[in-house]
Protein backbone atom coordinates (compact mmCIF):
# COMPACT_ATOMS: atom_id res chain seq x y z
CA MET A 1 -12.91 21.57 11.29
CA ASN A 2 -10.51 18.75 12.09
CA LYS A 3 -12.14 16.39 14.57
CA GLU A 4 -10.18 13.59 16.15
CA ARG A 5 -11.54 10.11 16.72
CA TYR A 6 -13.96 10.05 19.61
CA LYS A 7 -16.18 7.62 21.44
CA GLU A 8 -19.84 8.29 22.10
CA GLU A 9 -21.48 6.38 24.93
CA TYR A 10 -25.23 5.93 25.35
CA GLU A 11 -27.28 5.07 28.42
CA GLU A 12 -28.57 1.87 26.78
CA GLY A 13 -25.04 0.50 26.90
CA SER A 14 -24.05 0.90 23.26
CA ASP A 15 -20.84 2.71 22.37
CA LEU A 16 -20.01 4.26 19.01
CA LEU A 17 -16.45 4.99 17.92
CA TRP A 18 -16.41 7.79 15.35
CA PRO A 19 -13.46 8.23 12.95
CA SER A 20 -11.37 11.35 12.75
CA ASP A 21 -11.86 13.66 9.76
CA LYS A 22 -8.67 12.36 8.16
CA GLU A 23 -9.70 8.70 8.56
CA ASP A 24 -13.17 9.50 7.26
CA LYS A 25 -11.77 11.24 4.18
CA VAL A 26 -9.42 8.33 3.39
CA THR A 27 -12.21 5.77 3.86
CA ARG A 28 -14.62 7.67 1.62
CA GLN A 29 -11.96 8.01 -1.10
CA PHE A 30 -11.19 4.28 -0.89
CA TYR A 31 -14.84 3.30 -1.41
CA LYS A 32 -15.23 5.87 -4.18
CA ASP A 33 -12.19 4.43 -6.01
CA LEU A 34 -13.46 0.89 -5.42
CA SER A 35 -16.84 1.81 -6.88
CA HIS A 36 -15.27 3.32 -10.00
CA LEU A 37 -13.03 0.27 -10.45
CA SER A 38 -16.03 -2.04 -10.11
CA LYS A 39 -17.93 -0.09 -12.78
CA LYS A 40 -14.96 -0.31 -15.15
CA ILE A 41 -14.63 -4.08 -14.64
CA ASN A 42 -18.35 -4.65 -15.22
CA TYR A 43 -18.26 -2.49 -18.35
CA SER A 44 -15.28 -4.38 -19.81
CA LYS A 45 -16.98 -7.72 -19.10
CA LYS A 46 -20.12 -6.57 -20.91
CA LYS A 47 -18.05 -5.29 -23.80
CA LYS A 48 -16.19 -8.62 -24.13
CA LEU A 49 -19.43 -10.57 -23.90
CA GLY A 50 -20.99 -8.39 -26.61
CA LEU A 51 -18.06 -9.09 -28.92
CA PHE A 52 -18.30 -12.82 -28.17
CA GLU A 53 -22.05 -12.82 -28.90
CA LYS A 54 -21.49 -11.06 -32.22
CA LEU A 55 -18.86 -13.62 -33.18
CA ILE A 56 -21.23 -16.49 -32.33
CA ARG A 57 -24.01 -14.91 -34.42
CA ILE A 58 -21.66 -14.55 -37.40
CA ILE A 59 -20.58 -18.18 -37.11
CA GLN A 60 -24.16 -19.40 -36.73
CA GLY A 61 -25.21 -17.31 -39.72
CA LYS A 62 -22.56 -18.92 -41.95
CA PHE A 63 -23.36 -22.50 -40.93
CA TRP A 64 -27.13 -22.35 -40.47
CA GLY A 65 -28.09 -19.37 -42.60
C-alpha cells in the first residue's frame, strides 16, 4: 500500500491535503526521534539538578550542622 499525496474536498468548502505514505513515515519518525531526544534532555537536566541539590545539602550540613 503506497498511497500518493491526495486532496480531499468536502461540500462545506474545506479541503484536506493528505500526505503520501513516504511523507507520513518520515514525519512520524521525525516526531518519534524528537520525543526521545526531549526525554533524554529532561532526564539529564533532572540528573544535574539532583547532583547540585546534593552538593548544596553537603555544604549546608558542614556550615550549619
